[in-house]
């Protein structure tokens, strides 16, 4: 399964949930917001939200600054 994550194509060997992708990429606890194909996915749904081949993910972390 191929996913486009923040503009980069990544290949995964099996269908995964959004939470599974974050674990695979060692991003647990680092991502604050996620959108799949431009639709926001609420964080409490990440463990049950299954991704499809070709989905476009945008994973965001909020950074403070001035």
C-alpha atoms as a PDB file:
ATOM      1  CA  UNK A   1       0.000   0.000   0.000  1.00  0.00           C
ATOM      2  CA  UNK A   2       1.379   3.408  -0.977  1.00  0.00           C
ATOM      3  CA  UNK A   3       0.547   6.531   0.997  1.00  0.00           C
ATOM      4  CA  UNK A   4       1.565  10.114   0.323  1.00  0.00           C
ATOM      5  CA  UNK A   5       2.615  11.540   3.677  1.00  0.00           C
ATOM      6  CA  UNK A   6       3.379  15.267   3.776  1.00  0.00           C
ATOM      7  CA  UNK A   7       4.195  15.115   0.060  1.00  0.00           C
ATOM      8  CA  UNK A   8       6.444  12.020   0.188  1.00  0.00           C
ATOM      9  CA  UNK A   9       5.417   8.567  -1.063  1.00  0.00           C
ATOM     10  CA  UNK A  10       5.818   5.829   1.558  1.00  0.00           C
ATOM     11  CA  UNK A  11       5.170   2.137   0.990  1.00  0.00           C
ATOM     12  CA  UNK A  12       3.611  -0.148   3.597  1.00  0.00           C
ATOM     13  CA  UNK A  13       3.250  -3.913   3.340  1.00  0.00           C
ATOM     14  CA  UNK A  14      -0.308  -4.079   4.656  1.00  0.00           C
ATOM     15  CA  UNK A  15      -3.451  -2.026   5.175  1.00  0.00           C
ATOM     16  CA  UNK A  16      -3.052   0.099   8.275  1.00  0.00           C
ATOM     17  CA  UNK A  17      -4.939   2.437  10.536  1.00  0.00           C
ATOM     18  CA  UNK A  18      -3.835   6.022  10.917  1.00  0.00           C
ATOM     19  CA  UNK A  19      -2.541   5.155  14.385  1.00  0.00           C
ATOM     20  CA  UNK A  20      -0.617   2.203  12.919  1.00  0.00           C
ATOM     21  CA  UNK A  21       1.121   4.478  10.424  1.00  0.00           C
ATOM     22  CA  UNK A  22       2.151   6.846  13.217  1.00  0.00           C
ATOM     23  CA  UNK A  23       3.589   3.909  15.182  1.00  0.00           C
ATOM     24  CA  UNK A  24       5.409   2.606  12.110  1.00  0.00           C
ATOM     25  CA  UNK A  25       6.970   6.038  11.543  1.00  0.00           C
ATOM     26  CA  UNK A  26       7.781   6.528  15.261  1.00  0.00           C
ATOM     27  CA  UNK A  27       5.555   9.609  15.401  1.00  0.00           C
ATOM     28  CA  UNK A  28       3.353   8.623  18.335  1.00  0.00           C
ATOM     29  CA  UNK A  29       2.794  11.594  20.591  1.00  0.00           C
ATOM     30  CA  UNK A  30       4.426  13.951  18.095  1.00  0.00           C
ATOM     31  CA  UNK A  31       1.512  14.479  15.705  1.00  0.00           C
ATOM     32  CA  UNK A  32      -1.225  16.801  16.943  1.00  0.00           C
ATOM     33  CA  UNK A  33      -3.517  16.835  13.898  1.00  0.00           C
ATOM     34  CA  UNK A  34      -4.039  14.635  10.866  1.00  0.00           C
ATOM     35  CA  UNK A  35      -5.887  15.065   7.589  1.00  0.00           C
ATOM     36  CA  UNK A  36      -6.570  12.333   5.060  1.00  0.00           C
ATOM     37  CA  UNK A  37      -7.366  13.534   1.554  1.00  0.00           C
ATOM     38  CA  UNK A  38      -7.911  17.042   2.978  1.00  0.00           C
ATOM     39  CA  UNK A  39     -10.425  15.848   5.606  1.00  0.00           C
ATOM     40  CA  UNK A  40      -9.501  16.258   9.284  1.00  0.00           C
ATOM     41  CA  UNK A  41      -9.588  12.988  11.239  1.00  0.00           C
ATOM     42  CA  UNK A  42     -10.297  13.447  14.929  1.00  0.00           C
ATOM     43  CA  UNK A  43      -7.622  12.013  17.188  1.00  0.00           C
ATOM     44  CA  UNK A  44     -10.024   9.674  18.986  1.00  0.00           C
ATOM     45  CA  UNK A  45     -10.695   7.960  15.620  1.00  0.00           C
ATOM     46  CA  UNK A  46      -7.071   7.305  14.625  1.00  0.00           C
ATOM     47  CA  UNK A  47      -7.054   3.742  15.980  1.00  0.00           C
ATOM     48  CA  UNK A  48     -10.074   2.737  13.853  1.00  0.00           C
ATOM     49  CA  UNK A  49      -9.514   4.887  10.749  1.00  0.00           C
ATOM     50  CA  UNK A  50      -8.236   2.561   8.009  1.00  0.00           C
ATOM     51  CA  UNK A  51      -6.252   4.075   5.168  1.00  0.00           C
ATOM     52  CA  UNK A  52      -6.528   3.156   1.496  1.00  0.00           C
ATOM     53  CA  UNK A  53      -3.866   2.828  -1.169  1.00  0.00           C
ATOM     54  CA  UNK A  54      -3.046   6.267  -2.562  1.00  0.00           C
ATOM     55  CA  UNK A  55      -4.428   8.254   0.379  1.00  0.00           C
ATOM     56  CA  UNK A  56      -2.791  11.623   0.995  1.00  0.00           C
ATOM     57  CA  UNK A  57      -1.929  12.285   4.629  1.00  0.00           C
ATOM     58  CA  UNK A  58      -0.950  15.576   6.162  1.00  0.00           C
ATOM     59  CA  UNK A  59       0.483  15.124   9.645  1.00  0.00           C
ATOM     60  CA  UNK A  60       0.881  18.286  11.674  1.00  0.00           C
ATOM     61  CA  UNK A  61       2.634  19.258  14.877  1.00  0.00           C
ATOM     62  CA  UNK A  62       2.067  22.636  16.441  1.00  0.00           C
ATOM     63  CA  UNK A  63       5.194  24.651  17.120  1.00  0.00           C
ATOM     64  CA  UNK A  64       5.268  27.796  19.208  1.00  0.00           C
ATOM     65  CA  UNK A  65       7.211  30.772  18.056  1.00  0.00           C
ATOM     66  CA  UNK A  66       7.347  34.475  17.945  1.00  0.00           C
END
